[in-house]
N, C-alpha and C. Protein backbone atom coordinates (compact mmCIF):
# COMPACT_ATOMS: atom_id res chain seq x y z
N MET A 1 0.84 -1.19 0.00
CA MET A 1 0.00 0.00 0.00
C MET A 1 0.88 1.25 0.00
N LYS A 2 0.60 2.16 -0.89
CA LYS A 2 1.38 3.40 -0.97
C LYS A 2 0.98 4.34 0.17
N GLN A 3 1.99 4.83 0.86
CA GLN A 3 1.74 5.73 1.99
C GLN A 3 1.44 7.14 1.50
N LYS A 4 0.58 7.85 2.22
CA LYS A 4 0.37 9.26 1.97
C LYS A 4 1.22 10.00 3.01
N TYR A 5 2.27 10.60 2.52
CA TYR A 5 3.17 11.30 3.42
C TYR A 5 2.55 12.62 3.86
N ILE A 6 2.89 13.05 5.05
CA ILE A 6 2.37 14.30 5.57
C ILE A 6 3.50 15.31 5.68
N THR A 7 3.15 16.58 5.59
CA THR A 7 4.13 17.66 5.69
C THR A 7 4.50 17.88 7.15
N LYS A 8 5.54 18.65 7.38
CA LYS A 8 5.93 18.95 8.76
C LYS A 8 4.86 19.81 9.44
N GLN A 9 4.15 20.63 8.69
CA GLN A 9 3.05 21.40 9.28
C GLN A 9 1.93 20.46 9.73
N GLU A 10 1.58 19.51 8.86
CA GLU A 10 0.57 18.52 9.24
C GLU A 10 1.04 17.69 10.43
N LEU A 11 2.32 17.37 10.45
CA LEU A 11 2.90 16.63 11.57
C LEU A 11 2.65 17.35 12.88
N ALA A 12 2.93 18.63 12.91
CA ALA A 12 2.72 19.42 14.12
C ALA A 12 1.23 19.48 14.49
N ASP A 13 0.37 19.61 13.50
CA ASP A 13 -1.07 19.69 13.75
C ASP A 13 -1.64 18.37 14.26
N LEU A 14 -1.10 17.25 13.79
CA LEU A 14 -1.66 15.94 14.11
C LEU A 14 -0.97 15.23 15.27
N TRP A 15 0.15 15.77 15.76
CA TRP A 15 0.98 15.09 16.75
C TRP A 15 0.19 14.57 17.95
N GLU A 16 -0.70 15.37 18.50
CA GLU A 16 -1.45 14.97 19.69
C GLU A 16 -2.70 14.15 19.36
N LYS A 17 -3.04 14.04 18.07
CA LYS A 17 -4.30 13.41 17.68
C LYS A 17 -4.15 12.04 17.02
N LYS A 18 -3.03 11.78 16.39
CA LYS A 18 -2.84 10.57 15.59
C LYS A 18 -1.50 9.92 15.89
N ALA A 19 -1.40 8.63 15.59
CA ALA A 19 -0.11 7.93 15.66
C ALA A 19 0.66 8.26 14.39
N ILE A 20 1.87 8.76 14.56
CA ILE A 20 2.71 9.18 13.45
C ILE A 20 3.80 8.15 13.22
N CYS A 21 4.02 7.79 11.96
CA CYS A 21 5.12 6.90 11.60
C CYS A 21 6.22 7.71 10.93
N ILE A 22 7.44 7.32 11.22
CA ILE A 22 8.62 7.93 10.59
C ILE A 22 9.19 6.92 9.62
N GLU A 23 9.46 7.34 8.39
CA GLU A 23 10.18 6.52 7.44
C GLU A 23 11.57 7.12 7.30
N PHE A 24 12.58 6.35 7.67
CA PHE A 24 13.95 6.82 7.63
C PHE A 24 14.54 6.63 6.24
N ALA A 25 15.65 7.29 5.98
CA ALA A 25 16.29 7.26 4.66
C ALA A 25 16.67 5.84 4.23
N ASP A 26 16.96 4.95 5.19
CA ASP A 26 17.33 3.57 4.85
C ASP A 26 16.14 2.68 4.56
N GLY A 27 14.92 3.24 4.61
CA GLY A 27 13.71 2.48 4.31
C GLY A 27 13.04 1.88 5.54
N SER A 28 13.70 1.93 6.68
CA SER A 28 13.07 1.42 7.90
C SER A 28 12.07 2.45 8.41
N ASP A 29 11.19 2.00 9.30
CA ASP A 29 10.22 2.94 9.86
C ASP A 29 9.99 2.63 11.33
N ALA A 30 9.38 3.58 12.02
CA ALA A 30 9.10 3.44 13.45
C ALA A 30 7.93 4.34 13.80
N LEU A 31 7.19 3.93 14.82
CA LEU A 31 6.14 4.79 15.36
C LEU A 31 6.82 5.86 16.20
N ALA A 32 6.54 7.10 15.90
CA ALA A 32 7.25 8.21 16.54
C ALA A 32 6.97 8.28 18.04
N GLN A 33 5.73 8.50 18.40
CA GLN A 33 5.40 8.71 19.81
C GLN A 33 5.67 7.45 20.64
N GLU A 34 5.34 6.30 20.11
CA GLU A 34 5.51 5.04 20.84
C GLU A 34 6.98 4.73 21.11
N ASN A 35 7.86 5.21 20.25
CA ASN A 35 9.29 4.96 20.42
C ASN A 35 10.02 6.12 21.08
N GLY A 36 9.27 7.07 21.64
CA GLY A 36 9.87 8.12 22.45
C GLY A 36 10.40 9.32 21.70
N TYR A 37 10.13 9.43 20.42
CA TYR A 37 10.54 10.61 19.68
C TYR A 37 9.66 11.79 20.09
N THR A 38 10.25 12.97 20.17
CA THR A 38 9.47 14.17 20.46
C THR A 38 9.12 14.86 19.15
N LEU A 39 8.12 15.72 19.21
CA LEU A 39 7.75 16.50 18.04
C LEU A 39 8.94 17.33 17.57
N GLU A 40 9.67 17.91 18.50
CA GLU A 40 10.83 18.74 18.14
C GLU A 40 11.89 17.92 17.41
N GLN A 41 12.14 16.69 17.87
CA GLN A 41 13.10 15.83 17.18
C GLN A 41 12.65 15.53 15.77
N CYS A 42 11.37 15.22 15.63
CA CYS A 42 10.85 14.89 14.30
C CYS A 42 10.91 16.09 13.36
N LEU A 43 10.56 17.25 13.85
CA LEU A 43 10.61 18.45 13.01
C LEU A 43 12.03 18.78 12.57
N ALA A 44 13.03 18.35 13.35
CA ALA A 44 14.43 18.61 13.01
C ALA A 44 15.01 17.59 12.03
N MET A 45 14.29 16.50 11.77
CA MET A 45 14.79 15.46 10.87
C MET A 45 14.68 15.93 9.42
N ASP A 46 15.82 15.92 8.73
CA ASP A 46 15.84 16.35 7.33
C ASP A 46 15.79 15.16 6.36
N ASP A 47 16.13 13.98 6.84
CA ASP A 47 16.23 12.82 5.95
C ASP A 47 15.15 11.78 6.23
N ALA A 48 14.01 12.24 6.80
CA ALA A 48 12.92 11.31 7.12
C ALA A 48 11.61 11.86 6.55
N ARG A 49 10.67 10.92 6.31
CA ARG A 49 9.34 11.29 5.87
C ARG A 49 8.36 10.75 6.90
N PHE A 50 7.19 11.35 6.96
CA PHE A 50 6.21 11.01 7.98
C PHE A 50 4.88 10.63 7.35
N PHE A 51 4.20 9.68 7.97
CA PHE A 51 2.87 9.28 7.53
C PHE A 51 2.09 8.81 8.74
N LEU A 52 0.76 8.69 8.57
CA LEU A 52 -0.10 8.26 9.66
C LEU A 52 -0.16 6.75 9.73
N ASP A 53 -0.19 6.23 10.95
CA ASP A 53 -0.28 4.79 11.14
C ASP A 53 -1.71 4.34 10.93
């Protein structure tokens, strides 16, 4: 299934409402909040893309 990536603005808007997934440059992914990432850390990532779980 093709992911619909979200922008960093959408990321900030949805952070408290939805589970966010991070796709890293190497193709791996992780649930952001569940794995202890902060919104600030995610917004600072330049080599990652975000989508909703």
